[in-house]
């Protein structure tokens, strides 16, 4: 069945133009000022904006093993409602994706349950280099290394192992960078003084900019030494932004970086209101750090905007500081949150599409997605730019049932989401008759 999207304001590749878009099956077959096709179902998008689907390169959907927090089915559903058509999910599930067999198990769940397109990272530990090197770069997003706090045995702190991975791995390595020793020392000092009831405002002091910079600068040093394709996740400090370049195009970069929604929206002044519900690793830090991350995004030292979506139950988050887990749900609200900055005059629509759609596709070399182009998959999002709504318990789709944006009135709404040509989300209604596809990579 053909679908003809008429009269859209198309945001794509640095411009906004009025155009019609014809979809046949999974793909875009024609883009023109005016298209007429008597065989096509016509969808009139007058007054609406059409953009490529968002590609979120960092999510934790909690399956397998942690499904009391979230599931691939529920979190992917929330993602498409938020305009995310493709996600890349992290390996710290239970069991952790540290073998090729366990990694493939996750792909099987994605194929069965995900409304969005999906890929999963292979996890690295101090002991699984042989498994890491078996990873297929054309069918897997990348290798994930926790060079800082993690769960179980996923902390890679053996420098010999790190050298081996960085020197031998010929595909993208994504890293979480926080220095474990610095964090442990800071935690011990704070716990000795305040005990278990440490105020949440000390979180960015424990997980400070030195902890981040010490780890991320080591990752950059290793990547430069071995010419490794390195991607540093969730940059949270102004200090770290000096590590990255903006004098070459993204496609030529061997070292790239990402910023996340929460580090662009919140700062340490938000802890008084939000408490442990904005406890993330790396921590939400100072207003100066937030400004520094924004500056690096705007001048292209930081390449991508993602979520680090990581749900926990309300009961878990309501614990005391040391017991409350880090992370929060974001995929349903990331695009509309960024559109608030457009309404504030801080960024353009074209800029948002570049950082959330085009740049992730280029950075990860995603095959035939991330752009509105003839022949590409029809991953598309329709935005009603001036239709406001307020986040509340009744419209949150996350399995955990809460959002750090509760009570926020967003000025824009995601009204439709197409995944590989299928209209999976339409103004609050889901079509679950199809599933997303496994992402492929041009490597």
Protein backbone atom coordinates (compact mmCIF):
# COMPACT_ATOMS: atom_id res chain seq x y z
CA UNK A 1 0.00 0.00 0.00
CA UNK A 2 1.29 3.44 -0.92
CA UNK A 3 1.02 6.42 1.42
CA UNK A 4 1.19 9.98 0.13
CA UNK A 5 2.11 12.62 2.68
CA UNK A 6 0.85 15.93 1.30
CA UNK A 7 1.67 19.57 2.08
CA UNK A 8 4.30 18.90 4.74
CA UNK A 9 6.94 21.33 5.93
CA UNK A 10 9.90 18.97 5.52
CA UNK A 11 12.86 19.51 7.87
CA UNK A 12 15.83 17.76 6.32
CA UNK A 13 19.52 18.28 5.59
CA UNK A 14 19.73 21.89 6.67
CA UNK A 15 16.54 23.30 5.21
CA UNK A 16 12.76 23.44 5.65
CA UNK A 17 10.79 23.07 2.42
CA UNK A 18 7.16 22.45 1.54
CA UNK A 19 6.94 19.07 -0.17
CA UNK A 20 4.97 15.88 -0.71
CA UNK A 21 6.49 12.52 0.20
CA UNK A 22 5.44 9.22 -1.35
CA UNK A 23 5.96 5.99 0.60
CA UNK A 24 5.72 2.56 -0.97
CA UNK A 25 6.17 -0.38 1.38
CA UNK A 26 9.10 0.28 3.69
CA UNK A 27 10.71 3.09 1.70
CA UNK A 28 10.43 6.64 0.44
CA UNK A 29 10.01 6.48 -3.33
CA UNK A 30 9.53 10.13 -4.26
CA UNK A 31 9.93 13.63 -2.79
CA UNK A 32 8.63 16.55 -4.82
CA UNK A 33 6.84 19.89 -4.60
CA UNK A 34 3.65 18.14 -5.70
CA UNK A 35 2.90 14.45 -6.09
CA UNK A 36 -0.39 12.90 -7.19
CA UNK A 37 -0.97 9.15 -7.08
CA UNK A 38 -4.51 7.75 -7.29
CA UNK A 39 -3.35 4.45 -5.79
CA UNK A 40 -2.00 6.04 -2.61
CA UNK A 41 -3.64 6.69 0.73
CA UNK A 42 -3.41 10.47 1.16
CA UNK A 43 -2.40 11.91 4.54
CA UNK A 44 -2.70 15.70 4.60
CA UNK A 45 0.01 17.30 6.73
CA UNK A 46 -0.94 20.93 6.13
CA UNK A 47 0.41 23.04 8.98
CA UNK A 48 2.60 20.20 10.25
CA UNK A 49 6.34 19.56 10.13
CA UNK A 50 7.80 16.32 8.81
CA UNK A 51 11.24 15.17 9.95
CA UNK A 52 13.30 11.98 9.91
CA UNK A 53 12.78 9.65 12.83
CA UNK A 54 15.04 10.28 15.79
CA UNK A 55 17.89 7.79 16.26
CA UNK A 56 18.69 7.39 19.98
CA UNK A 57 22.14 5.85 20.34
CA UNK A 58 21.94 5.23 24.10
CA UNK A 59 19.06 3.58 25.93
CA UNK A 60 18.64 0.99 28.68
CA UNK A 61 15.40 -0.90 28.10
CA UNK A 62 16.11 -3.35 30.97
CA UNK A 63 15.39 -6.62 29.25
CA UNK A 64 16.29 -9.36 29.95
CA UNK A 65 16.34 -9.72 33.71
CA UNK A 66 15.34 -6.27 34.96
CA UNK A 67 11.82 -6.20 33.57
CA UNK A 68 10.29 -4.78 36.76
CA UNK A 69 11.87 -1.49 35.60
CA UNK A 70 11.00 -1.66 31.90
CA UNK A 71 10.74 -3.96 28.89
CA UNK A 72 11.77 -3.64 25.27
CA UNK A 73 8.07 -3.70 24.32
CA UNK A 74 6.97 -0.88 26.66
CA UNK A 75 10.00 1.37 26.28
CA UNK A 76 10.09 1.07 22.47
CA UNK A 77 6.39 1.95 22.47
CA UNK A 78 7.11 5.07 24.52
CA UNK A 79 9.98 5.85 22.16
CA UNK A 80 7.87 5.85 18.98
CA UNK A 81 5.29 8.04 20.74
CA UNK A 82 8.16 10.46 21.31
CA UNK A 83 9.35 10.39 17.69
CA UNK A 84 12.22 7.92 18.16
CA UNK A 85 12.14 5.37 15.34
CA UNK A 86 15.47 3.62 16.06
CA UNK A 87 17.34 2.88 19.28
CA UNK A 88 20.66 1.35 20.33
CA UNK A 89 20.44 -0.43 23.66
CA UNK A 90 23.13 -1.03 26.25
CA UNK A 91 24.50 -4.38 27.50
CA UNK A 92 24.13 -4.01 31.29
CA UNK A 93 21.04 -6.20 31.52
CA UNK A 94 20.73 -9.46 33.46
CA UNK A 95 22.49 -11.47 32.19
CA UNK A 96 24.86 -8.93 30.74
CA UNK A 97 25.43 -9.12 26.98
CA UNK A 98 29.03 -10.33 27.26
CA UNK A 99 28.87 -13.23 24.80
CA UNK A 100 27.68 -13.38 21.21
CA UNK A 101 24.91 -15.79 22.24
CA UNK A 102 23.57 -13.50 24.96
CA UNK A 103 23.76 -10.54 22.59
CA UNK A 104 21.76 -12.44 19.98
CA UNK A 105 19.15 -13.30 22.63
CA UNK A 106 18.42 -9.59 22.92
CA UNK A 107 18.01 -9.26 19.16
CA UNK A 108 15.43 -12.03 19.32
CA UNK A 109 13.43 -10.07 21.91
CA UNK A 110 13.69 -6.94 19.77
CA UNK A 111 12.42 -8.80 16.70
CA UNK A 112 9.45 -10.11 18.67
CA UNK A 113 8.49 -7.07 20.73
CA UNK A 114 9.92 -3.75 19.49
CA UNK A 115 7.77 -1.25 17.59
CA UNK A 116 10.94 0.75 16.85
CA UNK A 117 14.00 -0.30 14.87
CA UNK A 118 16.65 -1.69 17.17
CA UNK A 119 20.30 -2.47 17.71
CA UNK A 120 22.16 -3.68 20.79
CA UNK A 121 25.69 -3.01 21.98
CA UNK A 122 28.09 -5.82 22.76
CA UNK A 123 29.43 -5.46 26.29
CA UNK A 124 33.09 -5.52 27.28
CA UNK A 125 34.53 -6.78 30.55
CA UNK A 126 38.02 -7.51 31.84
CA UNK A 127 37.68 -11.11 30.66
CA UNK A 128 35.78 -11.31 27.34
CA UNK A 129 38.07 -9.85 24.65
CA UNK A 130 37.72 -12.95 22.47
CA UNK A 131 33.93 -12.54 22.41
CA UNK A 132 34.18 -8.80 21.75
CA UNK A 133 36.35 -9.36 18.69
CA UNK A 134 33.74 -11.69 17.17
CA UNK A 135 31.19 -8.85 16.92
CA UNK A 136 29.85 -8.16 13.43
CA UNK A 137 30.27 -4.42 12.68
CA UNK A 138 27.58 -4.52 9.98
CA UNK A 139 24.89 -5.85 12.30
CA UNK A 140 25.80 -4.49 15.77
CA UNK A 141 25.85 -0.85 16.87
CA UNK A 142 29.18 -1.02 18.67
CA UNK A 143 31.15 -2.19 21.70
CA UNK A 144 30.25 -0.65 25.07
CA UNK A 145 32.88 -0.13 27.76
CA UNK A 146 32.09 1.15 31.24
CA UNK A 147 35.28 3.01 32.13
CA UNK A 148 33.73 3.93 35.47
CA UNK A 149 30.97 2.79 37.78
CA UNK A 150 28.92 -0.12 36.59
CA UNK A 151 27.16 -3.21 37.81
CA UNK A 152 28.67 -6.67 38.21
CA UNK A 153 31.85 -7.27 36.23
CA UNK A 154 31.24 -4.72 33.47
CA UNK A 155 33.68 -2.17 34.90
CA UNK A 156 36.76 -2.36 32.68
CA UNK A 157 39.55 -0.94 34.81
CA UNK A 158 42.45 -3.15 33.72
CA UNK A 159 44.67 -0.90 31.60
CA UNK A 160 46.17 -3.86 29.76
CA UNK A 161 42.67 -5.01 28.77
CA UNK A 162 41.73 -1.48 27.68
CA UNK A 163 44.84 -1.30 25.51
CA UNK A 164 43.96 -4.65 23.96
CA UNK A 165 40.39 -3.64 23.17
CA UNK A 166 41.36 -0.23 21.78
CA UNK A 167 44.19 -1.68 19.66
CA UNK A 168 42.41 -4.78 18.32
CA UNK A 169 38.77 -3.71 17.91
CA UNK A 170 38.06 -2.37 14.41
CA UNK A 171 34.54 -1.08 15.11
CA UNK A 172 33.06 1.78 17.11
CA UNK A 173 33.69 1.69 20.85
CA UNK A 174 31.26 3.65 23.03
CA UNK A 175 32.40 4.51 26.54
CA UNK A 176 30.93 5.65 29.83
CA UNK A 177 33.72 7.73 31.37
CA UNK A 178 33.92 8.32 35.11
CA UNK A 179 36.99 7.45 37.18
CA UNK A 180 36.02 4.82 39.75
CA UNK A 181 38.81 5.55 42.22
CA UNK A 182 37.90 9.26 42.39
CA UNK A 183 34.23 8.42 42.95
CA UNK A 184 35.00 5.86 45.68
CA UNK A 185 37.24 8.30 47.54
CA UNK A 186 34.67 11.10 47.34
CA UNK A 187 31.87 8.74 48.41
CA UNK A 188 33.83 7.52 51.43
CA UNK A 189 34.49 11.09 52.59
CA UNK A 190 30.84 12.11 52.23
CA UNK A 191 29.51 8.95 53.87
CA UNK A 192 31.83 9.42 56.84
CA UNK A 193 30.46 12.91 57.36
CA UNK A 194 26.75 12.49 56.53
CA UNK A 195 26.04 8.76 56.68
CA UNK A 196 23.30 7.17 54.58
CA UNK A 197 21.21 10.35 54.57
CA UNK A 198 23.61 12.30 52.38
CA UNK A 199 21.69 15.12 50.65
CA UNK A 200 21.25 14.54 46.90
CA UNK A 201 22.88 17.89 46.13
CA UNK A 202 26.26 16.24 46.85
CA UNK A 203 25.86 13.86 43.90
CA UNK A 204 27.73 16.16 41.48
CA UNK A 205 30.44 16.66 44.11
CA UNK A 206 31.00 12.92 44.48
CA UNK A 207 30.83 12.34 40.71
CA UNK A 208 32.64 15.56 39.89
CA UNK A 209 34.23 16.99 36.78
CA UNK A 210 37.64 15.57 37.73
CA UNK A 211 36.21 12.04 37.79
CA UNK A 212 34.72 12.58 34.34
CA UNK A 213 37.75 14.28 32.80
CA UNK A 214 40.28 11.80 34.18
CA UNK A 215 38.43 8.94 32.52
CA UNK A 216 37.40 10.62 29.25
CA UNK A 217 40.89 12.05 28.66
CA UNK A 218 42.33 8.56 29.13
CA UNK A 219 39.85 7.20 26.57
CA UNK A 220 40.84 9.91 24.09
CA UNK A 221 44.53 9.19 24.72
CA UNK A 222 44.00 5.48 24.04
CA UNK A 223 41.98 6.20 20.90
CA UNK A 224 44.62 8.55 19.54
CA UNK A 225 47.34 6.02 20.32
CA UNK A 226 45.59 3.19 18.47
CA UNK A 227 43.52 5.19 15.92
CA UNK A 228 40.38 3.68 17.49
CA UNK A 229 36.88 4.74 16.47
CA UNK A 230 35.76 6.16 19.85
CA UNK A 231 32.40 7.60 20.89
CA UNK A 232 32.15 9.13 24.37
CA UNK A 233 28.66 9.01 25.83
CA UNK A 234 26.76 11.60 27.90
CA UNK A 235 29.28 14.43 28.30
CA UNK A 236 28.31 16.34 31.45
CA UNK A 237 31.13 18.82 32.12
CA UNK A 238 32.49 21.93 30.47
CA UNK A 239 36.01 20.67 31.15
CA UNK A 240 35.60 17.58 28.95
CA UNK A 241 34.48 19.56 25.90
CA UNK A 242 38.08 20.68 25.30
CA UNK A 243 38.87 17.08 24.28
CA UNK A 244 36.85 17.26 21.06
CA UNK A 245 37.37 18.79 17.62
CA UNK A 246 35.13 20.85 15.37
CA UNK A 247 37.58 21.58 12.58
CA UNK A 248 36.71 18.49 10.52
CA UNK A 249 33.37 17.07 9.32
CA UNK A 250 31.64 14.47 11.48
CA UNK A 251 32.17 11.73 8.89
CA UNK A 252 35.93 12.23 9.17
CA UNK A 253 36.09 12.17 12.97
CA UNK A 254 37.62 9.19 14.74
CA UNK A 255 36.57 10.55 18.14
CA UNK A 256 32.99 11.74 18.66
CA UNK A 257 30.86 12.75 21.62
CA UNK A 258 27.27 12.88 22.78
CA UNK A 259 25.20 15.06 25.10
CA UNK A 260 22.01 13.88 26.80
CA UNK A 261 18.70 15.61 27.38
CA UNK A 262 19.00 15.77 31.16
CA UNK A 263 22.36 17.51 31.06
CA UNK A 264 20.89 20.12 28.72
CA UNK A 265 17.70 20.69 30.72
CA UNK A 266 18.56 20.34 34.42
CA UNK A 267 21.40 21.64 36.57
CA UNK A 268 22.31 21.41 40.25
CA UNK A 269 19.58 23.91 41.18
CA UNK A 270 17.03 21.26 40.13
CA UNK A 271 17.96 18.82 42.93
CA UNK A 272 15.89 20.66 45.54
CA UNK A 273 12.69 20.00 43.58
CA UNK A 274 13.46 16.69 41.86
CA UNK A 275 15.71 14.93 44.38
CA UNK A 276 16.84 11.42 43.44
CA UNK A 277 14.50 11.44 40.44
CA UNK A 278 17.25 13.34 38.59
CA UNK A 279 20.06 11.20 39.99
CA UNK A 280 22.02 10.11 36.91
CA UNK A 281 25.55 8.92 36.23
CA UNK A 282 27.29 11.07 35.16
CA UNK A 283 25.62 13.54 37.49
CA UNK A 284 23.63 16.59 36.54
CA UNK A 285 26.14 19.27 37.42
CA UNK A 286 26.45 23.06 37.63
CA UNK A 287 24.80 25.69 35.46
CA UNK A 288 28.30 26.48 34.18
CA UNK A 289 28.75 22.87 33.10
CA UNK A 290 25.36 22.86 31.39
CA UNK A 291 26.33 26.04 29.55
CA UNK A 292 29.65 24.48 28.52
CA UNK A 293 27.96 21.36 27.13
CA UNK A 294 25.51 23.54 25.21
CA UNK A 295 28.35 25.63 23.80
CA UNK A 296 30.15 22.51 22.57
CA UNK A 297 26.96 21.20 20.95
CA UNK A 298 26.39 24.49 19.19
CA UNK A 299 29.93 24.68 17.81
CA UNK A 300 29.97 20.97 16.83
CA UNK A 301 32.56 19.68 19.26
CA UNK A 302 29.73 17.50 20.59
CA UNK A 303 28.00 15.67 17.76
CA UNK A 304 24.85 13.92 18.98
CA UNK A 305 21.90 14.38 21.35
CA UNK A 306 20.61 11.20 23.01
CA UNK A 307 18.68 10.21 26.15
CA UNK A 308 20.48 7.55 28.22
CA UNK A 309 16.90 6.41 28.98
CA UNK A 310 17.26 4.23 32.09
CA UNK A 311 14.04 3.60 34.04
CA UNK A 312 13.78 2.55 37.68
CA UNK A 313 10.66 2.07 39.76
CA UNK A 314 9.31 4.90 41.90
CA UNK A 315 9.99 2.80 45.01
CA UNK A 316 13.65 2.39 44.01
CA UNK A 317 14.10 6.10 43.32
CA UNK A 318 12.51 7.10 46.65
CA UNK A 319 15.39 5.52 48.57
CA UNK A 320 18.10 7.41 50.44
CA UNK A 321 20.98 8.78 48.40
CA UNK A 322 23.32 5.78 48.42
CA UNK A 323 20.51 3.25 47.86
CA UNK A 324 18.61 5.14 45.13
CA UNK A 325 19.75 3.94 41.68
CA UNK A 326 20.93 6.35 39.01
CA UNK A 327 18.96 6.85 35.79
CA UNK A 328 15.57 7.97 34.57
CA UNK A 329 13.12 7.55 31.69
CA UNK A 330 13.34 10.02 28.79
CA UNK A 331 12.52 8.57 25.34
CA UNK A 332 8.89 9.74 25.22
CA UNK A 333 9.86 13.34 25.91
CA UNK A 334 13.30 13.93 24.38
CA UNK A 335 12.20 15.42 21.06
CA UNK A 336 9.52 17.68 22.53
CA UNK A 337 12.02 18.79 25.18
CA UNK A 338 14.48 19.84 22.46
CA UNK A 339 11.67 21.61 20.61
CA UNK A 340 11.26 23.82 23.69
CA UNK A 341 14.71 25.22 22.95
CA UNK A 342 13.53 25.99 19.43
CA UNK A 343 10.58 27.91 20.88
CA UNK A 344 13.02 29.80 23.11
CA UNK A 345 15.02 30.84 20.04
CA UNK A 346 18.12 28.92 21.17
CA UNK A 347 18.28 26.53 18.19
CA UNK A 348 16.63 25.96 14.81
CA UNK A 349 14.48 23.05 13.72
CA UNK A 350 17.15 22.09 11.20
CA UNK A 351 19.75 22.01 13.98
CA UNK A 352 17.61 19.70 16.14
CA UNK A 353 17.10 17.31 13.21
CA UNK A 354 20.82 17.31 12.53
CA UNK A 355 21.81 16.47 16.12
CA UNK A 356 19.06 13.89 16.74
CA UNK A 357 18.62 12.26 13.31
CA UNK A 358 21.36 12.98 10.76
CA UNK A 359 24.37 12.99 13.10
CA UNK A 360 23.60 9.65 14.81
CA UNK A 361 23.14 8.07 11.37
CA UNK A 362 26.47 9.46 10.19
CA UNK A 363 28.30 8.75 13.44
CA UNK A 364 27.25 5.09 13.55
CA UNK A 365 27.06 4.67 9.76
CA UNK A 366 23.44 3.52 10.00
CA UNK A 367 22.34 2.12 6.67
CA UNK A 368 19.62 4.09 4.80
CA UNK A 369 18.05 5.82 7.81
CA UNK A 370 18.28 9.20 9.53
CA UNK A 371 17.48 11.30 6.43
CA UNK A 372 14.44 11.97 4.23
CA UNK A 373 15.80 10.68 0.94
CA UNK A 374 14.37 8.75 -1.99
CA UNK A 375 15.25 5.08 -1.54
CA UNK A 376 15.76 5.39 2.21
CA UNK A 377 13.54 3.68 4.77
CA UNK A 378 10.47 5.74 5.62
CA UNK A 379 11.29 6.47 9.26
CA UNK A 380 9.35 9.71 9.65
CA UNK A 381 7.88 11.88 12.39
CA UNK A 382 5.08 14.42 12.12
CA UNK A 383 5.28 17.29 14.60
CA UNK A 384 2.51 19.72 15.49
CA UNK A 385 4.77 22.56 16.51
CA UNK A 386 2.16 24.67 18.31
CA UNK A 387 0.00 22.01 19.96
CA UNK A 388 0.79 22.15 23.67
CA UNK A 389 0.29 19.45 26.29
CA UNK A 390 1.29 18.77 29.87
CA UNK A 391 3.09 15.65 31.10
CA UNK A 392 1.13 13.80 33.79
CA UNK A 393 0.73 10.28 35.18
CA UNK A 394 -2.15 9.64 32.79
CA UNK A 395 -0.14 10.14 29.58
CA UNK A 396 3.22 8.61 30.60
CA UNK A 397 3.90 5.40 28.67
CA UNK A 398 6.99 4.16 30.51
CA UNK A 399 6.57 0.93 32.45
CA UNK A 400 7.93 2.67 35.54
CA UNK A 401 5.03 5.16 35.46
CA UNK A 402 6.94 8.39 36.13
CA UNK A 403 8.92 11.08 34.32
CA UNK A 404 11.32 13.82 35.43
CA UNK A 405 9.20 16.09 33.22
CA UNK A 406 5.94 15.58 35.13
CA UNK A 407 4.10 18.89 35.31
CA UNK A 408 6.02 20.39 32.36
CA UNK A 409 3.87 21.97 29.66
CA UNK A 410 5.46 21.31 26.27
CA UNK A 411 4.58 23.60 23.39
CA UNK A 412 4.90 20.92 20.67
CA UNK A 413 3.41 17.47 20.10
CA UNK A 414 4.54 14.39 18.19
CA UNK A 415 1.39 13.51 16.27
CA UNK A 416 2.48 10.64 13.98
CA UNK A 417 5.43 8.27 13.75
CA UNK A 418 6.21 6.05 10.76
CA UNK A 419 8.68 3.17 11.21
CA UNK A 420 9.89 1.65 7.93
CA UNK A 421 6.76 2.95 6.21
CA UNK A 422 4.29 1.74 8.86
CA UNK A 423 2.21 4.33 10.70
CA UNK A 424 2.83 2.86 14.15
CA UNK A 425 1.74 5.90 16.19
CA UNK A 426 -1.11 8.25 15.30
CA UNK A 427 -2.25 10.86 17.84
CA UNK A 428 -2.24 8.49 20.80
CA UNK A 429 -3.20 5.33 18.92
CA UNK A 430 -0.72 2.54 18.17
CA UNK A 431 -0.73 0.08 15.29
CA UNK A 432 1.09 -2.96 16.65
CA UNK A 433 0.57 -5.18 13.61
CA UNK A 434 4.22 -4.82 12.56
CA UNK A 435 7.56 -4.68 14.34
CA UNK A 436 10.67 -2.59 13.86
CA UNK A 437 13.69 -3.87 11.95
CA UNK A 438 17.21 -4.72 13.02
CA UNK A 439 19.48 -1.81 12.13
CA UNK A 440 22.25 -2.41 9.64
CA UNK A 441 25.47 -0.45 9.37
CA UNK A 442 27.55 0.61 6.34
CA UNK A 443 30.94 -0.43 7.68
